[in-house]
């Protein structure tokens, strides 16, 4: 695989060695994807999941913003995430945790799939929102999915994924005393191995209320609570293909 600005060279032996330790699967259409398992930002250009045979997801690698579809991706960051996943997999094998029951849900189980030979990712959002309108549960606030780390006041290293490089003034992160150099380990109930995990944790955070994050600072584990104000999730939506039919709700 490759990104436009940073193509993977065939002589990248480290990446080849890492890939050899995974069973790699590429999904090109969403028609029969299990949405109960593969939950991600369906407007993204690319998303990578790392999971085991018991359907435990170790990490989500991916992300984008309104400035660039690849600005939050890097080959270096992908390789680092793969190394972290391998360590997490070894640890999981030692602990042998109980496997939670899993019931697959596919697009056709959740909403009417419009006669498409190939269902694009963004059409999942469209279908889910159509169903919410039918059930009269649609809330325009839910258009702001997968908030960026900047929405809580932190900028993250594109390669390390979980390392804070800057804390924005007067933000929830600043008020909670997060600092540059902190390594995020958990956001809400989500283990963090990559920036995609941070956004998954933020996606599941409340529209308003408290969010617990765990960090490592100079080798010491710390737990902090961020106070999220109403509207904290709002961000640029113009780049989202799925938002085109939602314009009337944004006026």
C-alpha atoms as a PDB file:
ATOM      1  CA  UNK A   1       0.000   0.000   0.000  1.00  0.00           C
ATOM      2  CA  UNK A   2       1.150   3.543  -0.374  1.00  0.00           C
ATOM      3  CA  UNK A   3       0.254   7.159   0.347  1.00  0.00           C
ATOM      4  CA  UNK A   4       0.648   9.764  -2.417  1.00  0.00           C
ATOM      5  CA  UNK A   5       3.196  11.833  -0.527  1.00  0.00           C
ATOM      6  CA  UNK A   6       5.140   8.942   0.917  1.00  0.00           C
ATOM      7  CA  UNK A   7       5.100   5.857  -1.280  1.00  0.00           C
ATOM      8  CA  UNK A   8       6.230   2.613   0.326  1.00  0.00           C
ATOM      9  CA  UNK A   9       9.387   1.449  -1.367  1.00  0.00           C
ATOM     10  CA  UNK A  10       9.633  -2.257  -2.247  1.00  0.00           C
ATOM     11  CA  UNK A  11      12.976  -2.355  -0.421  1.00  0.00           C
ATOM     12  CA  UNK A  12      11.430  -1.268   2.899  1.00  0.00           C
ATOM     13  CA  UNK A  13      12.525  -4.466   4.599  1.00  0.00           C
ATOM     14  CA  UNK A  14      11.247  -3.412   8.008  1.00  0.00           C
ATOM     15  CA  UNK A  15       7.703  -3.008   6.688  1.00  0.00           C
ATOM     16  CA  UNK A  16       7.910  -6.293   4.781  1.00  0.00           C
ATOM     17  CA  UNK A  17       9.043  -8.086   7.940  1.00  0.00           C
ATOM     18  CA  UNK A  18       6.258  -6.531   9.986  1.00  0.00           C
ATOM     19  CA  UNK A  19       3.626  -7.395   7.370  1.00  0.00           C
ATOM     20  CA  UNK A  20       4.785 -11.018   7.382  1.00  0.00           C
ATOM     21  CA  UNK A  21       3.580 -11.294  10.987  1.00  0.00           C
ATOM     22  CA  UNK A  22       0.019 -10.310  10.061  1.00  0.00           C
ATOM     23  CA  UNK A  23      -2.715 -11.776   7.909  1.00  0.00           C
ATOM     24  CA  UNK A  24      -3.408  -8.835   5.616  1.00  0.00           C
ATOM     25  CA  UNK A  25      -6.860  -8.303   4.108  1.00  0.00           C
ATOM     26  CA  UNK A  26      -7.912  -5.423   1.860  1.00  0.00           C
ATOM     27  CA  UNK A  27     -11.585  -4.433   1.751  1.00  0.00           C
ATOM     28  CA  UNK A  28     -12.705  -2.398  -1.256  1.00  0.00           C
ATOM     29  CA  UNK A  29     -16.493  -2.270  -0.825  1.00  0.00           C
ATOM     30  CA  UNK A  30     -18.797  -1.910   2.150  1.00  0.00           C
ATOM     31  CA  UNK A  31     -21.717  -4.058   0.969  1.00  0.00           C
ATOM     32  CA  UNK A  32     -21.188  -6.921   3.435  1.00  0.00           C
ATOM     33  CA  UNK A  33     -18.834  -5.371   6.001  1.00  0.00           C
ATOM     34  CA  UNK A  34     -19.735  -6.087   9.625  1.00  0.00           C
ATOM     35  CA  UNK A  35     -20.544  -2.597  10.928  1.00  0.00           C
ATOM     36  CA  UNK A  36     -20.814  -3.873  14.489  1.00  0.00           C
ATOM     37  CA  UNK A  37     -17.115  -4.708  14.330  1.00  0.00           C
ATOM     38  CA  UNK A  38     -15.599  -2.313  11.812  1.00  0.00           C
ATOM     39  CA  UNK A  39     -16.729   0.972  13.299  1.00  0.00           C
ATOM     40  CA  UNK A  40     -14.728   3.870  11.918  1.00  0.00           C
ATOM     41  CA  UNK A  41     -15.103   7.253  10.262  1.00  0.00           C
ATOM     42  CA  UNK A  42     -16.735   6.226   6.998  1.00  0.00           C
ATOM     43  CA  UNK A  43     -15.662   9.448   5.262  1.00  0.00           C
ATOM     44  CA  UNK A  44     -11.977   8.570   5.443  1.00  0.00           C
ATOM     45  CA  UNK A  45      -9.774   7.839   2.444  1.00  0.00           C
ATOM     46  CA  UNK A  46      -8.152   4.853   4.171  1.00  0.00           C
ATOM     47  CA  UNK A  47      -8.429   3.041   7.498  1.00  0.00           C
ATOM     48  CA  UNK A  48      -6.485   0.127   8.939  1.00  0.00           C
ATOM     49  CA  UNK A  49      -7.721  -2.245  11.646  1.00  0.00           C
ATOM     50  CA  UNK A  50      -5.530  -4.523  13.724  1.00  0.00           C
ATOM     51  CA  UNK A  51      -7.470  -7.341  15.358  1.00  0.00           C
ATOM     52  CA  UNK A  52      -7.149 -10.975  16.376  1.00  0.00           C
ATOM     53  CA  UNK A  53      -9.243 -14.031  15.524  1.00  0.00           C
ATOM     54  CA  UNK A  54     -11.485 -13.361  18.545  1.00  0.00           C
ATOM     55  CA  UNK A  55     -12.495 -10.003  17.025  1.00  0.00           C
ATOM     56  CA  UNK A  56     -10.568  -8.003  19.592  1.00  0.00           C
ATOM     57  CA  UNK A  57      -9.454  -4.757  17.971  1.00  0.00           C
ATOM     58  CA  UNK A  58      -6.026  -3.710  19.188  1.00  0.00           C
ATOM     59  CA  UNK A  59      -5.800  -0.476  17.242  1.00  0.00           C
ATOM     60  CA  UNK A  60      -7.273   1.656  14.476  1.00  0.00           C
ATOM     61  CA  UNK A  61      -4.793   3.407  12.192  1.00  0.00           C
ATOM     62  CA  UNK A  62      -6.064   6.272  10.069  1.00  0.00           C
ATOM     63  CA  UNK A  63      -7.477   9.764  10.195  1.00  0.00           C
ATOM     64  CA  UNK A  64      -7.746  12.954   8.211  1.00  0.00           C
ATOM     65  CA  UNK A  65      -8.943  16.543   8.438  1.00  0.00           C
ATOM     66  CA  UNK A  66     -10.156  19.317   6.171  1.00  0.00           C
ATOM     67  CA  UNK A  67      -6.635  20.310   5.134  1.00  0.00           C
ATOM     68  CA  UNK A  68      -5.386  16.982   3.820  1.00  0.00           C
ATOM     69  CA  UNK A  69      -6.564  13.416   3.336  1.00  0.00           C
ATOM     70  CA  UNK A  70      -3.103  12.086   4.230  1.00  0.00           C
ATOM     71  CA  UNK A  71      -1.668  14.683   6.605  1.00  0.00           C
ATOM     72  CA  UNK A  72      -2.274  12.457   9.638  1.00  0.00           C
ATOM     73  CA  UNK A  73      -0.743   9.340   8.066  1.00  0.00           C
ATOM     74  CA  UNK A  74       2.859   8.254   7.705  1.00  0.00           C
ATOM     75  CA  UNK A  75       4.685   5.038   6.898  1.00  0.00           C
ATOM     76  CA  UNK A  76       6.827   5.546   9.984  1.00  0.00           C
ATOM     77  CA  UNK A  77       3.713   5.910  12.103  1.00  0.00           C
ATOM     78  CA  UNK A  78       2.126   2.821  10.564  1.00  0.00           C
ATOM     79  CA  UNK A  79       5.199   0.708  11.314  1.00  0.00           C
ATOM     80  CA  UNK A  80       5.334   1.947  14.899  1.00  0.00           C
ATOM     81  CA  UNK A  81       1.664   1.062  15.353  1.00  0.00           C
ATOM     82  CA  UNK A  82       2.288  -2.434  13.960  1.00  0.00           C
ATOM     83  CA  UNK A  83       5.079  -2.959  16.480  1.00  0.00           C
ATOM     84  CA  UNK A  84       2.828  -1.835  19.323  1.00  0.00           C
ATOM     85  CA  UNK A  85       0.062  -4.146  18.113  1.00  0.00           C
ATOM     86  CA  UNK A  86       2.398  -7.142  18.082  1.00  0.00           C
ATOM     87  CA  UNK A  87       3.337  -6.413  21.681  1.00  0.00           C
ATOM     88  CA  UNK A  88      -0.318  -6.029  22.651  1.00  0.00           C
ATOM     89  CA  UNK A  89      -1.115  -9.330  20.940  1.00  0.00           C
ATOM     90  CA  UNK A  90       1.580 -11.132  22.917  1.00  0.00           C
ATOM     91  CA  UNK A  91       0.266  -9.648  26.140  1.00  0.00           C
ATOM     92  CA  UNK A  92      -3.293 -10.623  25.219  1.00  0.00           C
ATOM     93  CA  UNK A  93      -2.207 -14.222  24.571  1.00  0.00           C
ATOM     94  CA  UNK A  94      -0.709 -14.425  28.070  1.00  0.00           C
ATOM     95  CA  UNK A  95      -3.821 -13.051  29.784  1.00  0.00           C
ATOM     96  CA  UNK A  96      -6.336 -14.992  27.644  1.00  0.00           C
ATOM     97  CA  UNK A  97      -9.272 -12.665  28.400  1.00  0.00           C
ATOM     98  CA  UNK A  98     -12.858 -13.826  27.951  1.00  0.00           C
ATOM     99  CA  UNK A  99     -14.258 -13.350  24.471  1.00  0.00           C
ATOM    100  CA  UNK A 100     -17.317 -11.074  24.333  1.00  0.00           C
ATOM    101  CA  UNK A 101     -20.248 -12.336  22.241  1.00  0.00           C
ATOM    102  CA  UNK A 102     -20.438 -10.764  18.820  1.00  0.00           C
ATOM    103  CA  UNK A 103     -23.471 -10.425  16.551  1.00  0.00           C
ATOM    104  CA  UNK A 104     -22.608  -9.164  13.057  1.00  0.00           C
ATOM    105  CA  UNK A 105     -24.538  -6.237  11.583  1.00  0.00           C
ATOM    106  CA  UNK A 106     -24.289  -5.441   7.909  1.00  0.00           C
ATOM    107  CA  UNK A 107     -25.620  -2.441   5.976  1.00  0.00           C
ATOM    108  CA  UNK A 108     -28.651  -4.366   4.707  1.00  0.00           C
ATOM    109  CA  UNK A 109     -29.493  -5.268   8.334  1.00  0.00           C
ATOM    110  CA  UNK A 110     -29.571  -1.601   9.378  1.00  0.00           C
ATOM    111  CA  UNK A 111     -30.955   0.406   6.483  1.00  0.00           C
ATOM    112  CA  UNK A 112     -32.160   0.145   2.910  1.00  0.00           C
ATOM    113  CA  UNK A 113     -29.143  -0.238   0.655  1.00  0.00           C
ATOM    114  CA  UNK A 114     -29.785   1.674  -2.546  1.00  0.00           C
ATOM    115  CA  UNK A 115     -29.174  -0.565  -5.577  1.00  0.00           C
ATOM    116  CA  UNK A 116     -25.435  -0.112  -5.857  1.00  0.00           C
ATOM    117  CA  UNK A 117     -23.042  -2.709  -7.216  1.00  0.00           C
ATOM    118  CA  UNK A 118     -20.428  -1.209  -4.920  1.00  0.00           C
ATOM    119  CA  UNK A 119     -21.375   0.546  -1.712  1.00  0.00           C
ATOM    120  CA  UNK A 120     -18.940   3.325  -0.845  1.00  0.00           C
ATOM    121  CA  UNK A 121     -17.883   4.003   2.721  1.00  0.00           C
ATOM    122  CA  UNK A 122     -19.560   7.412   2.981  1.00  0.00           C
ATOM    123  CA  UNK A 123     -22.898   5.818   2.057  1.00  0.00           C
ATOM    124  CA  UNK A 124     -22.880   4.056   5.426  1.00  0.00           C
ATOM    125  CA  UNK A 125     -23.256   7.416   7.185  1.00  0.00           C
ATOM    126  CA  UNK A 126     -26.016   8.354   4.740  1.00  0.00           C
ATOM    127  CA  UNK A 127     -27.902   5.122   5.371  1.00  0.00           C
ATOM    128  CA  UNK A 128     -27.572   5.302   9.137  1.00  0.00           C
ATOM    129  CA  UNK A 129     -28.820   8.896   9.184  1.00  0.00           C
ATOM    130  CA  UNK A 130     -31.741   8.052   6.904  1.00  0.00           C
ATOM    131  CA  UNK A 131     -32.742   5.389   9.403  1.00  0.00           C
ATOM    132  CA  UNK A 132     -32.456   7.864  12.272  1.00  0.00           C
ATOM    133  CA  UNK A 133     -34.769  10.258  10.450  1.00  0.00           C
ATOM    134  CA  UNK A 134     -37.299   7.493   9.905  1.00  0.00           C
ATOM    135  CA  UNK A 135     -37.152   6.687  13.616  1.00  0.00           C
ATOM    136  CA  UNK A 136     -37.189  10.426  14.458  1.00  0.00           C
ATOM    137  CA  UNK A 137     -33.971  10.085  16.485  1.00  0.00           C
ATOM    138  CA  UNK A 138     -31.719  12.169  14.230  1.00  0.00           C
ATOM    139  CA  UNK A 139     -29.758  14.901  16.029  1.00  0.00           C
ATOM    140  CA  UNK A 140     -27.664  17.348  13.911  1.00  0.00           C
ATOM    141  CA  UNK A 141     -25.067  17.349  16.695  1.00  0.00           C
ATOM    142  CA  UNK A 142     -24.202  13.773  15.719  1.00  0.00           C
ATOM    143  CA  UNK A 143     -22.859  14.998  12.374  1.00  0.00           C
ATOM    144  CA  UNK A 144     -19.642  15.858  14.183  1.00  0.00           C
ATOM    145  CA  UNK A 145     -18.203  12.359  14.265  1.00  0.00           C
ATOM    146  CA  UNK A 146     -14.674  11.310  15.210  1.00  0.00           C
ATOM    147  CA  UNK A 147     -13.505  14.656  16.641  1.00  0.00           C
ATOM    148  CA  UNK A 148      -9.890  15.615  16.102  1.00  0.00           C
ATOM    149  CA  UNK A 149      -7.482  15.673  19.062  1.00  0.00           C
ATOM    150  CA  UNK A 150      -7.318  19.451  18.583  1.00  0.00           C
ATOM    151  CA  UNK A 151     -10.967  19.629  19.633  1.00  0.00           C
ATOM    152  CA  UNK A 152      -9.915  18.843  23.200  1.00  0.00           C
ATOM    153  CA  UNK A 153      -6.810  20.994  22.879  1.00  0.00           C
ATOM    154  CA  UNK A 154      -3.937  18.682  21.938  1.00  0.00           C
ATOM    155  CA  UNK A 155      -1.811  18.243  18.844  1.00  0.00           C
ATOM    156  CA  UNK A 156      -0.260  14.807  18.387  1.00  0.00           C
ATOM    157  CA  UNK A 157       2.942  13.680  16.700  1.00  0.00           C
ATOM    158  CA  UNK A 158       1.998  12.265  13.288  1.00  0.00           C
ATOM    159  CA  UNK A 159       4.513   9.434  13.644  1.00  0.00           C
ATOM    160  CA  UNK A 160       4.268   8.519  17.328  1.00  0.00           C
ATOM    161  CA  UNK A 161       0.497   8.891  17.194  1.00  0.00           C
ATOM    162  CA  UNK A 162      -0.043   9.149  20.943  1.00  0.00           C
ATOM    163  CA  UNK A 163       2.579  11.735  21.944  1.00  0.00           C
ATOM    164  CA  UNK A 164       1.352  15.247  22.680  1.00  0.00           C
ATOM    165  CA  UNK A 165       3.431  17.876  20.874  1.00  0.00           C
ATOM    166  CA  UNK A 166       1.370  20.917  21.868  1.00  0.00           C
ATOM    167  CA  UNK A 167      -1.412  21.815  24.283  1.00  0.00           C
ATOM    168  CA  UNK A 168      -3.695  24.601  23.079  1.00  0.00           C
ATOM    169  CA  UNK A 169      -4.336  27.475  25.488  1.00  0.00           C
ATOM    170  CA  UNK A 170      -7.682  27.683  27.306  1.00  0.00           C
ATOM    171  CA  UNK A 171      -8.687  24.215  26.088  1.00  0.00           C
ATOM    172  CA  UNK A 172     -10.058  21.263  28.095  1.00  0.00           C
ATOM    173  CA  UNK A 173      -6.595  19.678  27.880  1.00  0.00           C
ATOM    174  CA  UNK A 174      -4.892  22.811  29.200  1.00  0.00           C
ATOM    175  CA  UNK A 175      -7.360  23.088  32.075  1.00  0.00           C
ATOM    176  CA  UNK A 176      -6.698  19.442  32.958  1.00  0.00           C
ATOM    177  CA  UNK A 177      -2.928  20.168  33.007  1.00  0.00           C
ATOM    178  CA  UNK A 178      -1.875  18.002  30.090  1.00  0.00           C
ATOM    179  CA  UNK A 179       1.595  18.871  28.832  1.00  0.00           C
ATOM    180  CA  UNK A 180       3.642  18.544  25.668  1.00  0.00           C
ATOM    181  CA  UNK A 181       5.563  15.283  25.884  1.00  0.00           C
ATOM    182  CA  UNK A 182       2.744  13.382  27.581  1.00  0.00           C
ATOM    183  CA  UNK A 183       1.966  10.016  25.993  1.00  0.00           C
ATOM    184  CA  UNK A 184      -1.718   9.186  25.805  1.00  0.00           C
ATOM    185  CA  UNK A 185      -2.423   5.615  26.903  1.00  0.00           C
ATOM    186  CA  UNK A 186      -6.201   5.674  27.293  1.00  0.00           C
ATOM    187  CA  UNK A 187      -8.929   8.055  26.168  1.00  0.00           C
ATOM    188  CA  UNK A 188     -12.197   7.213  27.857  1.00  0.00           C
ATOM    189  CA  UNK A 189     -12.265   3.431  27.770  1.00  0.00           C
ATOM    190  CA  UNK A 190     -10.062   3.101  24.675  1.00  0.00           C
ATOM    191  CA  UNK A 191      -6.458   1.908  24.710  1.00  0.00           C
ATOM    192  CA  UNK A 192      -4.338   4.206  22.573  1.00  0.00           C
ATOM    193  CA  UNK A 193      -1.687   2.857  20.209  1.00  0.00           C
ATOM    194  CA  UNK A 194      -2.276   5.347  17.379  1.00  0.00           C
ATOM    195  CA  UNK A 195      -4.037   8.621  16.678  1.00  0.00           C
ATOM    196  CA  UNK A 196      -6.958   6.677  15.200  1.00  0.00           C
ATOM    197  CA  UNK A 197      -7.554   5.225  18.673  1.00  0.00           C
ATOM    198  CA  UNK A 198      -7.665   8.725  20.142  1.00  0.00           C
ATOM    199  CA  UNK A 199     -10.396   9.704  17.686  1.00  0.00           C
ATOM    200  CA  UNK A 200     -12.330   6.519  18.454  1.00  0.00           C
ATOM    201  CA  UNK A 201     -12.186   7.416  22.142  1.00  0.00           C
ATOM    202  CA  UNK A 202     -13.352  10.964  21.394  1.00  0.00           C
ATOM    203  CA  UNK A 203     -16.118   9.679  19.139  1.00  0.00           C
ATOM    204  CA  UNK A 204     -17.531   7.804  22.129  1.00  0.00           C
ATOM    205  CA  UNK A 205     -17.086  10.736  24.531  1.00  0.00           C
ATOM    206  CA  UNK A 206     -20.179  12.661  25.709  1.00  0.00           C
ATOM    207  CA  UNK A 207     -21.523  15.681  23.832  1.00  0.00           C
ATOM    208  CA  UNK A 208     -20.957  17.518  27.104  1.00  0.00           C
ATOM    209  CA  UNK A 209     -19.441  16.283  30.345  1.00  0.00           C
ATOM    210  CA  UNK A 210     -16.333  14.647  31.729  1.00  0.00           C
ATOM    211  CA  UNK A 211     -13.717  12.578  29.916  1.00  0.00           C
ATOM    212  CA  UNK A 212     -10.962  10.643  31.673  1.00  0.00           C
ATOM    213  CA  UNK A 213      -7.603  10.272  29.951  1.00  0.00           C
ATOM    214  CA  UNK A 214      -4.556   8.348  31.117  1.00  0.00           C
ATOM    215  CA  UNK A 215      -1.072   9.502  30.198  1.00  0.00           C
ATOM    216  CA  UNK A 216       2.528   8.648  30.900  1.00  0.00           C
ATOM    217  CA  UNK A 217       4.702  11.619  31.826  1.00  0.00           C
ATOM    218  CA  UNK A 218       8.418  11.037  32.309  1.00  0.00           C
ATOM    219  CA  UNK A 219       7.761   7.366  33.036  1.00  0.00           C
ATOM    220  CA  UNK A 220       4.967   8.038  35.535  1.00  0.00           C
ATOM    221  CA  UNK A 221       1.352   7.035  34.831  1.00  0.00           C
ATOM    222  CA  UNK A 222      -1.251   9.721  35.514  1.00  0.00           C
ATOM    223  CA  UNK A 223      -5.005   9.989  35.197  1.00  0.00           C
ATOM    224  CA  UNK A 224      -6.675  13.283  34.340  1.00  0.00           C
ATOM    225  CA  UNK A 225     -10.253  14.417  33.818  1.00  0.00           C
ATOM    226  CA  UNK A 226     -11.182  16.808  31.021  1.00  0.00           C
ATOM    227  CA  UNK A 227     -14.352  18.873  31.176  1.00  0.00           C
ATOM    228  CA  UNK A 228     -15.926  18.945  27.720  1.00  0.00           C
ATOM    229  CA  UNK A 229     -18.171  21.978  27.055  1.00  0.00           C
ATOM    230  CA  UNK A 230     -21.243  21.886  24.838  1.00  0.00           C
ATOM    231  CA  UNK A 231     -20.234  22.118  21.182  1.00  0.00           C
ATOM    232  CA  UNK A 232     -16.695  20.816  21.717  1.00  0.00           C
ATOM    233  CA  UNK A 233     -17.076  18.321  18.849  1.00  0.00           C
ATOM    234  CA  UNK A 234     -17.724  20.922  16.142  1.00  0.00           C
ATOM    235  CA  UNK A 235     -15.181  20.955  13.342  1.00  0.00           C
ATOM    236  CA  UNK A 236     -14.868  21.442   9.576  1.00  0.00           C
ATOM    237  CA  UNK A 237     -17.382  19.279   7.700  1.00  0.00           C
ATOM    238  CA  UNK A 238     -16.877  20.609   4.164  1.00  0.00           C
ATOM    239  CA  UNK A 239     -14.545  17.780   3.125  1.00  0.00           C
ATOM    240  CA  UNK A 240     -17.010  15.030   4.059  1.00  0.00           C
ATOM    241  CA  UNK A 241     -18.748  13.355   1.122  1.00  0.00           C
ATOM    242  CA  UNK A 242     -21.523  12.096   3.398  1.00  0.00           C
ATOM    243  CA  UNK A 243     -22.384  15.622   4.496  1.00  0.00           C
ATOM    244  CA  UNK A 244     -23.710  16.780   1.122  1.00  0.00           C
ATOM    245  CA  UNK A 245     -27.284  15.737   1.910  1.00  0.00           C
ATOM    246  CA  UNK A 246     -27.019  17.270   5.375  1.00  0.00           C
ATOM    247  CA  UNK A 247     -26.450  20.875   4.283  1.00  0.00           C
ATOM    248  CA  UNK A 248     -29.893  21.981   5.351  1.00  0.00           C
ATOM    249  CA  UNK A 249     -29.122  21.006   8.957  1.00  0.00           C
ATOM    250  CA  UNK A 250     -25.989  23.169   9.064  1.00  0.00           C
ATOM    251  CA  UNK A 251     -27.598  26.510   8.225  1.00  0.00           C
END
